[in-house]
Amino acid sequence: MSDNNNEFGAFMSGLLLGGIAGAITALLLAPQSGEETRKVIIDKSLELKDKALETVEDARQRAEKAADEARIAAQEYTQKLQDQAKGLQEQGRVILEEQKQKITKATKGGKKAEDEAKK
């Protein structure tokens, strides 16, 4: 996802710089009066400012979306790990109980054999 943001940022930078270069070239090569040229420069400046603001807003929205997606993924992964830990804990409890029963049974069997051997 980071590569997409970098590519988008590079594209938008290129678009903005290309627009500025094109506007300057058009102004310098167009046969207009100084007043007309100033008006065109002001209009183009405002247009470029608006495009820059749109680009910034778009980048902010993309960043918020990426942050939301990352937070959701982290929450889901945390829940999955907690569920797995509970499952492993339960398995451990069951195995421990089984082993305790086997040890108790073996101890009783050994004691019984010892008592019979003493007779």
N, C-alpha and C. Protein backbone atom coordinates (compact mmCIF):
# COMPACT_ATOMS: atom_id res chain seq x y z
N MET A 1 0.83 -1.18 0.00
CA MET A 1 0.00 0.00 0.00
C MET A 1 0.88 1.24 0.00
N SER A 2 2.05 1.17 0.65
CA SER A 2 2.96 2.30 0.70
C SER A 2 3.47 2.67 -0.68
N ASP A 3 3.73 1.65 -1.52
CA ASP A 3 4.18 1.91 -2.88
C ASP A 3 3.12 2.67 -3.66
N ASN A 4 1.87 2.33 -3.48
CA ASN A 4 0.79 3.03 -4.17
C ASN A 4 0.74 4.49 -3.78
N ASN A 5 0.92 4.78 -2.49
CA ASN A 5 0.91 6.16 -2.03
C ASN A 5 2.09 6.93 -2.60
N ASN A 6 3.28 6.28 -2.65
CA ASN A 6 4.46 6.93 -3.22
C ASN A 6 4.25 7.21 -4.70
N GLU A 7 3.70 6.25 -5.41
CA GLU A 7 3.45 6.43 -6.84
C GLU A 7 2.43 7.53 -7.06
N PHE A 8 1.40 7.57 -6.25
CA PHE A 8 0.37 8.60 -6.37
C PHE A 8 0.98 9.98 -6.10
N GLY A 9 1.79 10.08 -5.05
CA GLY A 9 2.43 11.36 -4.72
C GLY A 9 3.36 11.82 -5.83
N ALA A 10 4.12 10.90 -6.40
CA ALA A 10 5.01 11.25 -7.50
C ALA A 10 4.20 11.70 -8.71
N PHE A 11 3.11 11.01 -8.98
CA PHE A 11 2.25 11.39 -10.11
C PHE A 11 1.70 12.79 -9.92
N MET A 12 1.19 13.06 -8.71
CA MET A 12 0.59 14.37 -8.45
C MET A 12 1.65 15.47 -8.50
N SER A 13 2.86 15.20 -8.01
CA SER A 13 3.93 16.19 -8.10
C SER A 13 4.26 16.48 -9.55
N GLY A 14 4.36 15.43 -10.35
CA GLY A 14 4.64 15.61 -11.77
C GLY A 14 3.54 16.37 -12.47
N LEU A 15 2.31 16.05 -12.12
CA LEU A 15 1.17 16.75 -12.72
C LEU A 15 1.21 18.24 -12.37
N LEU A 16 1.47 18.55 -11.13
CA LEU A 16 1.53 19.94 -10.69
C LEU A 16 2.67 20.69 -11.36
N LEU A 17 3.87 20.09 -11.37
CA LEU A 17 5.01 20.75 -12.01
C LEU A 17 4.80 20.89 -13.51
N GLY A 18 4.22 19.89 -14.13
CA GLY A 18 3.93 19.97 -15.57
C GLY A 18 2.92 21.06 -15.86
N GLY A 19 1.92 21.19 -15.02
CA GLY A 19 0.92 22.25 -15.19
C GLY A 19 1.54 23.63 -15.07
N ILE A 20 2.42 23.79 -14.10
CA ILE A 20 3.09 25.08 -13.92
C ILE A 20 3.97 25.39 -15.13
N ALA A 21 4.76 24.41 -15.55
CA ALA A 21 5.64 24.62 -16.70
C ALA A 21 4.83 24.95 -17.96
N GLY A 22 3.75 24.24 -18.17
CA GLY A 22 2.90 24.49 -19.33
C GLY A 22 2.27 25.87 -19.28
N ALA A 23 1.83 26.28 -18.10
CA ALA A 23 1.20 27.60 -17.96
C ALA A 23 2.21 28.70 -18.23
N ILE A 24 3.41 28.55 -17.68
CA ILE A 24 4.45 29.56 -17.91
C ILE A 24 4.81 29.65 -19.38
N THR A 25 4.99 28.50 -20.02
CA THR A 25 5.32 28.47 -21.45
C THR A 25 4.22 29.13 -22.27
N ALA A 26 2.99 28.80 -21.97
CA ALA A 26 1.86 29.38 -22.72
C ALA A 26 1.81 30.89 -22.54
N LEU A 27 2.07 31.36 -21.33
CA LEU A 27 2.03 32.80 -21.08
C LEU A 27 3.14 33.54 -21.81
N LEU A 28 4.31 32.94 -21.79
CA LEU A 28 5.45 33.61 -22.42
C LEU A 28 5.34 33.63 -23.94
N LEU A 29 4.71 32.63 -24.51
CA LEU A 29 4.63 32.53 -25.97
C LEU A 29 3.36 33.15 -26.54
N ALA A 30 2.38 33.43 -25.72
CA ALA A 30 1.11 33.98 -26.21
C ALA A 30 1.22 35.49 -26.42
N PRO A 31 0.73 35.98 -27.54
CA PRO A 31 0.77 37.43 -27.78
C PRO A 31 -0.39 38.12 -27.06
N GLN A 32 -0.11 38.63 -25.84
CA GLN A 32 -1.13 39.31 -25.05
C GLN A 32 -0.55 40.58 -24.45
N SER A 33 -1.44 41.43 -24.01
CA SER A 33 -0.98 42.64 -23.32
C SER A 33 -0.55 42.26 -21.91
N GLY A 34 0.17 43.15 -21.26
CA GLY A 34 0.63 42.90 -19.89
C GLY A 34 -0.52 42.67 -18.93
N GLU A 35 -1.59 43.45 -19.10
CA GLU A 35 -2.74 43.30 -18.21
C GLU A 35 -3.40 41.94 -18.39
N GLU A 36 -3.56 41.53 -19.65
CA GLU A 36 -4.15 40.21 -19.92
C GLU A 36 -3.26 39.11 -19.35
N THR A 37 -1.95 39.26 -19.50
CA THR A 37 -1.01 38.26 -18.99
C THR A 37 -1.11 38.17 -17.47
N ARG A 38 -1.18 39.31 -16.80
CA ARG A 38 -1.31 39.30 -15.33
C ARG A 38 -2.60 38.61 -14.91
N LYS A 39 -3.68 38.88 -15.62
CA LYS A 39 -4.96 38.24 -15.29
C LYS A 39 -4.87 36.73 -15.48
N VAL A 40 -4.24 36.31 -16.57
CA VAL A 40 -4.08 34.87 -16.82
C VAL A 40 -3.21 34.24 -15.74
N ILE A 41 -2.14 34.95 -15.35
CA ILE A 41 -1.26 34.42 -14.30
C ILE A 41 -2.04 34.27 -12.99
N ILE A 42 -2.82 35.26 -12.64
CA ILE A 42 -3.62 35.19 -11.41
C ILE A 42 -4.62 34.03 -11.49
N ASP A 43 -5.31 33.92 -12.63
CA ASP A 43 -6.28 32.83 -12.79
C ASP A 43 -5.61 31.47 -12.69
N LYS A 44 -4.48 31.32 -13.37
CA LYS A 44 -3.76 30.04 -13.34
C LYS A 44 -3.24 29.75 -11.94
N SER A 45 -2.78 30.79 -11.24
CA SER A 45 -2.29 30.61 -9.87
C SER A 45 -3.41 30.09 -8.97
N LEU A 46 -4.58 30.70 -9.11
CA LEU A 46 -5.72 30.25 -8.30
C LEU A 46 -6.12 28.82 -8.65
N GLU A 47 -6.08 28.52 -9.94
CA GLU A 47 -6.42 27.17 -10.39
C GLU A 47 -5.43 26.15 -9.84
N LEU A 48 -4.13 26.48 -9.90
CA LEU A 48 -3.11 25.57 -9.37
C LEU A 48 -3.24 25.43 -7.86
N LYS A 49 -3.58 26.53 -7.18
CA LYS A 49 -3.78 26.47 -5.73
C LYS A 49 -4.92 25.51 -5.40
N ASP A 50 -6.02 25.62 -6.15
CA ASP A 50 -7.17 24.73 -5.94
C ASP A 50 -6.78 23.27 -6.17
N LYS A 51 -6.01 23.03 -7.23
CA LYS A 51 -5.57 21.66 -7.51
C LYS A 51 -4.68 21.13 -6.40
N ALA A 52 -3.79 21.99 -5.89
CA ALA A 52 -2.91 21.58 -4.80
C ALA A 52 -3.73 21.25 -3.55
N LEU A 53 -4.74 22.07 -3.25
CA LEU A 53 -5.59 21.79 -2.09
C LEU A 53 -6.35 20.48 -2.26
N GLU A 54 -6.82 20.23 -3.48
CA GLU A 54 -7.51 18.96 -3.75
C GLU A 54 -6.56 17.79 -3.56
N THR A 55 -5.33 17.95 -4.02
CA THR A 55 -4.33 16.89 -3.90
C THR A 55 -4.03 16.61 -2.43
N VAL A 56 -3.88 17.66 -1.65
CA VAL A 56 -3.61 17.51 -0.21
C VAL A 56 -4.79 16.81 0.47
N GLU A 57 -5.99 17.22 0.14
CA GLU A 57 -7.18 16.61 0.74
C GLU A 57 -7.29 15.14 0.35
N ASP A 58 -7.01 14.84 -0.91
CA ASP A 58 -7.06 13.46 -1.37
C ASP A 58 -6.02 12.61 -0.63
N ALA A 59 -4.81 13.16 -0.48
CA ALA A 59 -3.76 12.45 0.24
C ALA A 59 -4.15 12.22 1.70
N ARG A 60 -4.77 13.22 2.32
CA ARG A 60 -5.21 13.09 3.71
C ARG A 60 -6.26 11.98 3.85
N GLN A 61 -7.21 11.96 2.90
CA GLN A 61 -8.25 10.94 2.94
C GLN A 61 -7.65 9.55 2.74
N ARG A 62 -6.69 9.44 1.83
CA ARG A 62 -6.04 8.15 1.61
C ARG A 62 -5.29 7.69 2.86
N ALA A 63 -4.62 8.63 3.52
CA ALA A 63 -3.88 8.30 4.74
C ALA A 63 -4.83 7.86 5.84
N GLU A 64 -5.95 8.55 5.99
CA GLU A 64 -6.95 8.16 7.00
C GLU A 64 -7.50 6.77 6.71
N LYS A 65 -7.78 6.50 5.44
CA LYS A 65 -8.32 5.19 5.07
C LYS A 65 -7.29 4.10 5.37
N ALA A 66 -6.03 4.36 5.02
CA ALA A 66 -4.97 3.38 5.28
C ALA A 66 -4.82 3.15 6.78
N ALA A 67 -4.89 4.21 7.57
CA ALA A 67 -4.77 4.08 9.03
C ALA A 67 -5.95 3.29 9.59
N ASP A 68 -7.15 3.55 9.11
CA ASP A 68 -8.32 2.80 9.55
C ASP A 68 -8.19 1.31 9.21
N GLU A 69 -7.75 1.03 7.99
CA GLU A 69 -7.58 -0.36 7.57
C GLU A 69 -6.52 -1.06 8.42
N ALA A 70 -5.43 -0.35 8.73
CA ALA A 70 -4.37 -0.93 9.56
C ALA A 70 -4.88 -1.20 10.97
N ARG A 71 -5.66 -0.26 11.52
CA ARG A 71 -6.19 -0.44 12.87
C ARG A 71 -7.13 -1.65 12.92
N ILE A 72 -8.00 -1.76 11.93
CA ILE A 72 -8.95 -2.88 11.88
C ILE A 72 -8.20 -4.20 11.75
N ALA A 73 -7.19 -4.24 10.88
CA ALA A 73 -6.40 -5.47 10.70
C ALA A 73 -5.69 -5.84 11.99
N ALA A 74 -5.16 -4.86 12.70
CA ALA A 74 -4.47 -5.13 13.97
C ALA A 74 -5.45 -5.67 15.02
N GLN A 75 -6.65 -5.10 15.07
CA GLN A 75 -7.65 -5.58 16.02
C GLN A 75 -8.06 -7.01 15.70
N GLU A 76 -8.25 -7.30 14.42
CA GLU A 76 -8.64 -8.66 14.03
C GLU A 76 -7.53 -9.66 14.36
N TYR A 77 -6.28 -9.27 14.10
CA TYR A 77 -5.15 -10.15 14.38
C TYR A 77 -5.01 -10.38 15.89
N THR A 78 -5.19 -9.32 16.67
CA THR A 78 -5.12 -9.44 18.12
C THR A 78 -6.20 -10.40 18.63
N GLN A 79 -7.41 -10.26 18.12
CA GLN A 79 -8.50 -11.15 18.53
C GLN A 79 -8.19 -12.59 18.16
N LYS A 80 -7.65 -12.80 16.97
CA LYS A 80 -7.29 -14.14 16.52
C LYS A 80 -6.24 -14.76 17.45
N LEU A 81 -5.23 -13.97 17.81
CA LEU A 81 -4.19 -14.47 18.72
C LEU A 81 -4.76 -14.78 20.10
N GLN A 82 -5.66 -13.94 20.58
CA GLN A 82 -6.28 -14.20 21.89
C GLN A 82 -7.10 -15.49 21.85
N ASP A 83 -7.83 -15.70 20.77
CA ASP A 83 -8.61 -16.93 20.63
C ASP A 83 -7.70 -18.16 20.59
N GLN A 84 -6.59 -18.05 19.86
CA GLN A 84 -5.64 -19.17 19.79
C GLN A 84 -5.03 -19.44 21.17
N ALA A 85 -4.70 -18.38 21.90
CA ALA A 85 -4.12 -18.54 23.23
C ALA A 85 -5.11 -19.23 24.17
N LYS A 86 -6.37 -18.86 24.09
CA LYS A 86 -7.39 -19.51 24.93
C LYS A 86 -7.51 -20.99 24.58
N GLY A 87 -7.47 -21.29 23.28
CA GLY A 87 -7.56 -22.68 22.85
C GLY A 87 -6.37 -23.50 23.35
N LEU A 88 -5.17 -22.92 23.25
CA LEU A 88 -3.98 -23.62 23.73
C LEU A 88 -4.01 -23.79 25.25
N GLN A 89 -4.50 -22.79 25.93
CA GLN A 89 -4.61 -22.87 27.39
C GLN A 89 -5.57 -24.01 27.78
N GLU A 90 -6.67 -24.12 27.09
CA GLU A 90 -7.64 -25.19 27.37
C GLU A 90 -7.03 -26.56 27.07
N GLN A 91 -6.31 -26.66 25.96
CA GLN A 91 -5.65 -27.93 25.62
C GLN A 91 -4.65 -28.31 26.71
N GLY A 92 -3.89 -27.33 27.18
CA GLY A 92 -2.91 -27.59 28.24
C GLY A 92 -3.59 -28.05 29.52
N ARG A 93 -4.72 -27.44 29.85
CA ARG A 93 -5.45 -27.83 31.06
C ARG A 93 -5.94 -29.27 30.95
N VAL A 94 -6.46 -29.64 29.78
CA VAL A 94 -6.97 -31.00 29.57
C VAL A 94 -5.82 -32.01 29.69
N ILE A 95 -4.69 -31.71 29.05
CA ILE A 95 -3.54 -32.63 29.10
C ILE A 95 -3.03 -32.76 30.53
N LEU A 96 -2.96 -31.66 31.25
CA LEU A 96 -2.50 -31.69 32.64
C LEU A 96 -3.42 -32.56 33.49
N GLU A 97 -4.71 -32.41 33.31
CA GLU A 97 -5.68 -33.21 34.07
C GLU A 97 -5.53 -34.69 33.75
N GLU A 98 -5.35 -35.02 32.47
CA GLU A 98 -5.17 -36.42 32.07
C GLU A 98 -3.91 -37.00 32.72
N GLN A 99 -2.83 -36.23 32.72
CA GLN A 99 -1.57 -36.70 33.30
C GLN A 99 -1.70 -36.88 34.82
N LYS A 100 -2.42 -35.98 35.47
CA LYS A 100 -2.63 -36.11 36.90
C LYS A 100 -3.38 -37.40 37.21
N GLN A 101 -4.40 -37.69 36.39
CA GLN A 101 -5.17 -38.92 36.59
C GLN A 101 -4.29 -40.15 36.38
N LYS A 102 -3.43 -40.13 35.36
CA LYS A 102 -2.54 -41.27 35.10
C LYS A 102 -1.56 -41.46 36.25
N ILE A 103 -1.02 -40.35 36.76
CA ILE A 103 -0.07 -40.45 37.87
C ILE A 103 -0.76 -40.98 39.12
N THR A 104 -1.97 -40.49 39.38
CA THR A 104 -2.72 -40.97 40.55
C THR A 104 -3.00 -42.47 40.41
N LYS A 105 -3.40 -42.89 39.22
CA LYS A 105 -3.69 -44.31 38.98
C LYS A 105 -2.43 -45.15 39.13
N ALA A 106 -1.32 -44.66 38.59
CA ALA A 106 -0.06 -45.41 38.68
C ALA A 106 0.42 -45.48 40.13
N THR A 107 0.24 -44.40 40.87
CA THR A 107 0.65 -44.38 42.27
C THR A 107 -0.17 -45.38 43.08
N LYS A 108 -1.48 -45.40 42.84
CA LYS A 108 -2.33 -46.36 43.55
C LYS A 108 -1.97 -47.79 43.17
N GLY A 109 -1.69 -48.01 41.88
CA GLY A 109 -1.31 -49.35 41.44
C GLY A 109 0.01 -49.78 42.05
N GLY A 110 0.96 -48.85 42.14
CA GLY A 110 2.26 -49.16 42.75
C GLY A 110 2.12 -49.45 44.23
N LYS A 111 1.29 -48.69 44.92
CA LYS A 111 1.08 -48.89 46.35
C LYS A 111 0.40 -50.23 46.60
N LYS A 112 -0.55 -50.57 45.74
CA LYS A 112 -1.25 -51.85 45.87
C LYS A 112 -0.27 -53.01 45.66
N ALA A 113 0.59 -52.86 44.66
CA ALA A 113 1.58 -53.91 44.39
C ALA A 113 2.56 -54.03 45.56
N GLU A 114 2.93 -52.92 46.16
CA GLU A 114 3.84 -52.93 47.30
C GLU A 114 3.19 -53.62 48.50
N ASP A 115 1.92 -53.32 48.73
CA ASP A 115 1.20 -53.93 49.84
C ASP A 115 1.08 -55.44 49.64
N GLU A 116 0.83 -55.89 48.42
CA GLU A 116 0.71 -57.31 48.13
C GLU A 116 2.06 -58.01 48.26
N ALA A 117 3.12 -57.31 47.92
CA ALA A 117 4.46 -57.89 48.01
C ALA A 117 4.86 -58.07 49.47
N LYS A 118 4.38 -57.23 50.36
CA LYS A 118 4.70 -57.31 51.77
C LYS A 118 4.00 -58.50 52.43
N LYS A 119 2.92 -58.99 51.88
CA LYS A 119 2.15 -60.08 52.48
C LYS A 119 2.80 -61.38 52.31
